[in-house]
C-alpha atoms as a PDB file:
ATOM      1  CA  MET A   1     136.860  67.838 129.627  1.00  0.00           C
ATOM      2  CA  ILE A   2     139.347  67.355 132.412  1.00  0.00           C
ATOM      3  CA  GLY A   3     140.111  63.630 133.300  1.00  0.00           C
ATOM      4  CA  GLN A   4     141.592  60.666 132.261  1.00  0.00           C
ATOM      5  CA  PRO A   5     140.929  60.494 128.371  1.00  0.00           C
ATOM      6  CA  ALA A   6     140.554  56.629 128.612  1.00  0.00           C
ATOM      7  CA  ILE A   7     137.822  56.618 130.829  1.00  0.00           C
ATOM      8  CA  TYR A   8     135.594  58.797 128.368  1.00  0.00           C
ATOM      9  CA  GLU A   9     136.813  56.542 125.476  1.00  0.00           C
ATOM     10  CA  LYS A  10     135.771  53.270 127.313  1.00  0.00           C
ATOM     11  CA  LEU A  11     132.190  55.266 128.630  1.00  0.00           C
ATOM     12  CA  LYS A  12     131.427  56.642 124.867  1.00  0.00           C
ATOM     13  CA  GLN A  13     132.903  52.533 123.703  1.00  0.00           C
ATOM     14  CA  LEU A  14     129.923  51.065 125.953  1.00  0.00           C
ATOM     15  CA  ASN A  15     127.226  53.974 125.012  1.00  0.00           C
ATOM     16  CA  ILE A  16     127.307  55.361 128.590  1.00  0.00           C
ATOM     17  CA  SER A  17     125.926  58.611 129.265  1.00  0.00           C
ATOM     18  CA  PHE A  18     127.269  61.012 132.317  1.00  0.00           C
ATOM     19  CA  ASP A  19     126.301  64.582 133.834  1.00  0.00           C
ATOM     20  CA  TYR A  20     129.837  66.268 134.010  1.00  0.00           C
ATOM     21  CA  TYR A  21     130.628  69.008 136.504  1.00  0.00           C
ATOM     22  CA  GLU A  22     134.163  71.141 136.910  1.00  0.00           C
ATOM     23  CA  HIS A  23     135.012  72.287 140.659  1.00  0.00           C
ATOM     24  CA  PRO A  24     137.876  72.933 142.580  1.00  0.00           C
ATOM     25  CA  PRO A  25     139.903  70.663 143.131  1.00  0.00           C
ATOM     26  CA  LEU A  26     138.433  68.441 145.928  1.00  0.00           C
ATOM     27  CA  ASN A  27     141.017  66.730 147.977  1.00  0.00           C
ATOM     28  CA  THR A  28     138.700  65.358 150.723  1.00  0.00           C
ATOM     29  CA  ILE A  29     135.252  64.304 151.179  1.00  0.00           C
ATOM     30  CA  GLU A  30     134.918  67.605 154.077  1.00  0.00           C
ATOM     31  CA  ASP A  31     135.481  69.354 150.897  1.00  0.00           C
ATOM     32  CA  ALA A  32     133.381  67.515 148.429  1.00  0.00           C
ATOM     33  CA  ARG A  33     130.209  68.145 151.132  1.00  0.00           C
ATOM     34  CA  LYS A  34     130.961  72.100 149.960  1.00  0.00           C
ATOM     35  CA  HIS A  35     130.111  71.326 146.651  1.00  0.00           C
ATOM     36  CA  LYS A  36     127.793  68.696 146.319  1.00  0.00           C
ATOM     37  CA  SER A  37     124.674  70.014 146.426  1.00  0.00           C
ATOM     38  CA  TRP A  38     124.828  71.021 142.869  1.00  0.00           C
ATOM     39  CA  MET A  39     124.937  67.072 141.735  1.00  0.00           C
ATOM     40  CA  ASP A  40     122.115  64.842 141.570  1.00  0.00           C
ATOM     41  CA  ALA A  41     123.562  61.268 142.495  1.00  0.00           C
ATOM     42  CA  THR A  42     124.859  59.804 145.549  1.00  0.00           C
ATOM     43  CA  PHE A  43     128.396  61.039 146.469  1.00  0.00           C
ATOM     44  CA  CYS A  44     131.189  58.167 146.874  1.00  0.00           C
ATOM     45  CA  LYS A  45     134.091  57.684 149.380  1.00  0.00           C
ATOM     46  CA  ASN A  46     136.408  55.566 147.825  1.00  0.00           C
ATOM     47  CA  LEU A  47     139.164  54.144 150.125  1.00  0.00           C
ATOM     48  CA  PHE A  48     142.265  52.028 148.978  1.00  0.00           C
ATOM     49  CA  PHE A  49     143.593  49.901 151.296  1.00  0.00           C
ATOM     50  CA  ARG A  50     146.823  46.996 151.146  1.00  0.00           C
ATOM     51  CA  ASN A  51     146.836  43.852 152.660  1.00  0.00           C
ATOM     52  CA  HIS A  52     149.415  43.659 155.615  1.00  0.00           C
ATOM     53  CA  LYS A  53     152.320  42.450 153.226  1.00  0.00           C
ATOM     54  CA  GLY A  54     151.403  44.262 150.067  1.00  0.00           C
ATOM     55  CA  LYS A  55     150.277  41.593 148.040  1.00  0.00           C
ATOM     56  CA  LYS A  56     146.811  42.679 147.815  1.00  0.00           C
ATOM     57  CA  HIS A  57     144.731  45.778 147.495  1.00  0.00           C
ATOM     58  CA  TYR A  58     141.180  46.804 147.985  1.00  0.00           C
ATOM     59  CA  LEU A  59     139.027  50.277 146.642  1.00  0.00           C
ATOM     60  CA  VAL A  60     136.624  50.581 149.473  1.00  0.00           C
ATOM     61  CA  ILE A  61     133.492  52.057 148.126  1.00  0.00           C
ATOM     62  CA  LEU A  62     130.887  53.626 150.824  1.00  0.00           C
ATOM     63  CA  HIS A  63     128.270  56.674 150.762  1.00  0.00           C
ATOM     64  CA  HIS A  64     130.397  59.919 151.494  1.00  0.00           C
ATOM     65  CA  ALA A  65     128.293  60.322 155.168  1.00  0.00           C
ATOM     66  CA  TYR A  66     129.168  57.031 156.424  1.00  0.00           C
ATOM     67  CA  GLN A  67     132.433  55.929 158.177  1.00  0.00           C
ATOM     68  CA  LEU A  68     133.807  52.306 157.435  1.00  0.00           C
ATOM     69  CA  ASP A  69     134.622  50.384 160.454  1.00  0.00           C
ATOM     70  CA  ILE A  70     138.600  48.987 158.968  1.00  0.00           C
ATOM     71  CA  HIS A  71     138.812  46.656 161.442  1.00  0.00           C
ATOM     72  CA  ASP A  72     135.749  44.896 161.030  1.00  0.00           C
ATOM     73  CA  LEU A  73     136.589  44.740 157.401  1.00  0.00           C
ATOM     74  CA  GLU A  74     139.982  43.214 158.289  1.00  0.00           C
ATOM     75  CA  LYS A  75     137.849  40.532 159.957  1.00  0.00           C
ATOM     76  CA  ARG A  76     135.984  39.695 157.659  1.00  0.00           C
ATOM     77  CA  LEU A  77     138.466  39.596 154.988  1.00  0.00           C
ATOM     78  CA  LYS A  78     141.185  37.691 157.223  1.00  0.00           C
ATOM     79  CA  GLN A  79     143.912  39.361 155.004  1.00  0.00           C
ATOM     80  CA  GLY A  80     145.538  40.421 158.752  1.00  0.00           C
ATOM     81  CA  LYS A  81     145.961  44.362 159.297  1.00  0.00           C
ATOM     82  CA  LEU A  82     145.119  46.660 155.996  1.00  0.00           C
ATOM     83  CA  SER A  83     146.481  49.706 155.943  1.00  0.00           C
ATOM     84  CA  PHE A  84     145.726  52.876 153.484  1.00  0.00           C
ATOM     85  CA  ALA A  85     147.907  52.247 150.371  1.00  0.00           C
ATOM     86  CA  SER A  86     150.496  54.782 149.651  1.00  0.00           C
ATOM     87  CA  GLU A  87     151.026  57.697 147.311  1.00  0.00           C
ATOM     88  CA  TRP A  88     153.293  54.662 145.375  1.00  0.00           C
ATOM     89  CA  ARG A  89     150.771  52.108 144.782  1.00  0.00           C
ATOM     90  CA  MET A  90     147.859  54.473 143.730  1.00  0.00           C
ATOM     91  CA  GLU A  91     150.124  55.166 140.934  1.00  0.00           C
ATOM     92  CA  LYS A  92     151.034  51.749 140.118  1.00  0.00           C
ATOM     93  CA  TYR A  93     147.664  49.450 140.615  1.00  0.00           C
ATOM     94  CA  LEU A  94     145.276  52.692 139.551  1.00  0.00           C
ATOM     95  CA  GLY A  95     147.350  55.342 137.983  1.00  0.00           C
ATOM     96  CA  ILE A  96     145.871  58.172 140.316  1.00  0.00           C
ATOM     97  CA  LYS A  97     147.094  60.806 142.654  1.00  0.00           C
ATOM     98  CA  PRO A  98     146.219  60.865 146.133  1.00  0.00           C
ATOM     99  CA  GLY A  99     142.555  63.104 146.374  1.00  0.00           C
ATOM    100  CA  SER A 100     141.756  61.425 143.132  1.00  0.00           C
ATOM    101  CA  VAL A 101     140.891  57.353 143.928  1.00  0.00           C
ATOM    102  CA  SER A 102     137.672  56.442 141.903  1.00  0.00           C
ATOM    103  CA  PRO A 103     136.664  53.079 140.592  1.00  0.00           C
ATOM    104  CA  PHE A 104     138.111  55.128 137.279  1.00  0.00           C
ATOM    105  CA  GLY A 105     141.149  54.256 138.531  1.00  0.00           C
ATOM    106  CA  LEU A 106     140.227  50.305 137.835  1.00  0.00           C
ATOM    107  CA  ILE A 107     141.213  51.389 133.894  1.00  0.00           C
ATOM    108  CA  ASN A 108     144.720  51.470 134.388  1.00  0.00           C
ATOM    109  CA  ASP A 109     144.618  47.822 136.370  1.00  0.00           C
ATOM    110  CA  GLU A 110     145.324  46.183 133.235  1.00  0.00           C
ATOM    111  CA  GLU A 111     146.036  42.811 135.497  1.00  0.00           C
ATOM    112  CA  ASN A 112     143.332  42.911 137.380  1.00  0.00           C
ATOM    113  CA  HIS A 113     144.887  43.592 140.725  1.00  0.00           C
ATOM    114  CA  VAL A 114     142.494  45.313 142.627  1.00  0.00           C
ATOM    115  CA  HIS A 115     139.262  43.939 144.216  1.00  0.00           C
ATOM    116  CA  VAL A 116     136.760  45.954 144.803  1.00  0.00           C
ATOM    117  CA  PHE A 117     134.192  46.132 147.481  1.00  0.00           C
ATOM    118  CA  PHE A 118     131.128  47.943 147.226  1.00  0.00           C
ATOM    119  CA  ASP A 119     128.854  48.444 150.272  1.00  0.00           C
ATOM    120  CA  GLN A 120     125.227  47.053 149.375  1.00  0.00           C
ATOM    121  CA  ASN A 121     123.192  50.123 150.317  1.00  0.00           C
ATOM    122  CA  LEU A 122     124.428  51.946 147.253  1.00  0.00           C
ATOM    123  CA  GLN A 123     122.852  49.198 145.170  1.00  0.00           C
ATOM    124  CA  LYS A 124     119.689  51.903 145.878  1.00  0.00           C
ATOM    125  CA  ALA A 125     121.252  54.819 144.147  1.00  0.00           C
ATOM    126  CA  GLU A 126     119.621  55.838 141.196  1.00  0.00           C
ATOM    127  CA  LYS A 127     123.439  57.731 140.076  1.00  0.00           C
ATOM    128  CA  LEU A 128     126.830  57.344 141.379  1.00  0.00           C
ATOM    129  CA  SER A 129     128.911  60.076 141.560  1.00  0.00           C
ATOM    130  CA  PHE A 130     133.088  59.736 141.192  1.00  0.00           C
ATOM    131  CA  HIS A 131     135.908  61.969 140.081  1.00  0.00           C
ATOM    132  CA  PRO A 132     137.474  60.689 136.217  1.00  0.00           C
ATOM    133  CA  ASN A 133     141.164  60.223 138.169  1.00  0.00           C
ATOM    134  CA  ASP A 134     140.866  64.211 139.008  1.00  0.00           C
ATOM    135  CA  ASN A 135     139.505  65.631 141.815  1.00  0.00           C
ATOM    136  CA  ARG A 136     138.449  68.607 139.419  1.00  0.00           C
ATOM    137  CA  ALA A 137     135.901  67.202 137.570  1.00  0.00           C
ATOM    138  CA  THR A 138     133.034  64.745 138.590  1.00  0.00           C
ATOM    139  CA  LEU A 139     130.893  62.458 136.831  1.00  0.00           C
ATOM    140  CA  ASN A 140     127.338  61.388 137.839  1.00  0.00           C
ATOM    141  CA  ILE A 141     126.678  57.434 135.963  1.00  0.00           C
ATOM    142  CA  LYS A 142     123.196  55.776 136.248  1.00  0.00           C
ATOM    143  CA  TYR A 143     123.827  53.221 139.093  1.00  0.00           C
ATOM    144  CA  ASP A 144     123.199  50.193 135.886  1.00  0.00           C
ATOM    145  CA  ASP A 145     125.024  51.609 133.697  1.00  0.00           C
ATOM    146  CA  PHE A 146     128.011  52.085 136.435  1.00  0.00           C
ATOM    147  CA  MET A 147     127.705  48.815 137.024  1.00  0.00           C
ATOM    148  CA  ARG A 148     128.002  47.966 133.419  1.00  0.00           C
ATOM    149  CA  TYR A 149     131.192  49.865 133.366  1.00  0.00           C
ATOM    150  CA  MET A 150     133.005  47.892 136.477  1.00  0.00           C
ATOM    151  CA  ASP A 151     132.163  44.483 134.165  1.00  0.00           C
ATOM    152  CA  ASP A 152     133.922  45.567 131.613  1.00  0.00           C
ATOM    153  CA  THR A 153     136.784  46.208 133.940  1.00  0.00           C
ATOM    154  CA  GLN A 154     136.645  42.601 134.738  1.00  0.00           C
ATOM    155  CA  ASN A 155     138.073  43.390 137.791  1.00  0.00           C
ATOM    156  CA  ALA A 156     136.712  41.189 140.724  1.00  0.00           C
ATOM    157  CA  TYR A 157     133.860  42.625 143.138  1.00  0.00           C
ATOM    158  CA  GLU A 158     131.481  42.483 145.519  1.00  0.00           C
ATOM    159  CA  PHE A 159     129.126  43.967 147.759  1.00  0.00           C
ATOM    160  CA  LEU A 160     129.191  43.329 151.703  1.00  0.00           C
ATOM    161  CA  THR A 161     127.469  45.214 154.300  1.00  0.00           C
ATOM    162  CA  LEU A 162     129.621  48.248 155.695  1.00  0.00           C
ATOM    163  CA  TYR A 163     127.095  50.133 158.076  1.00  0.00           C
ATOM    164  CA  ASP A 164     123.529  49.662 158.849  1.00  0.00           C
END
């Protein structure tokens, strides 16, 4: 299977089943929209940010069809200006390349440095869809099982209203 082997090992260890799909590289949400019709899950947009000092990093996850108001998030976090993390930071903190940002990258965050924000609307999803740290594959996982994975990572996370 395409993707980081440690992800599949972790899911097996946690007894989490998933649906697996291979596809051409999906570098953007626009690319993904062309293929999501065959996926039986809520396809998520994953954005990786750093604060203005570069000391804190945030993974923001929301439904693919919605836009994030970054200025609103900046006001809520009170961390100053947020900017997209560089490729170097993606590799350092999540072990991934651009186009493959995913909460599965947290498996590489051994110090639990990255804080995760989920849009609260994702709590209504039956299944969620993410890349296994390679944008040539997608895993669909039941919401409750995915949250077990999140708890296992020990990264801090919370739910926010990111859109209405």
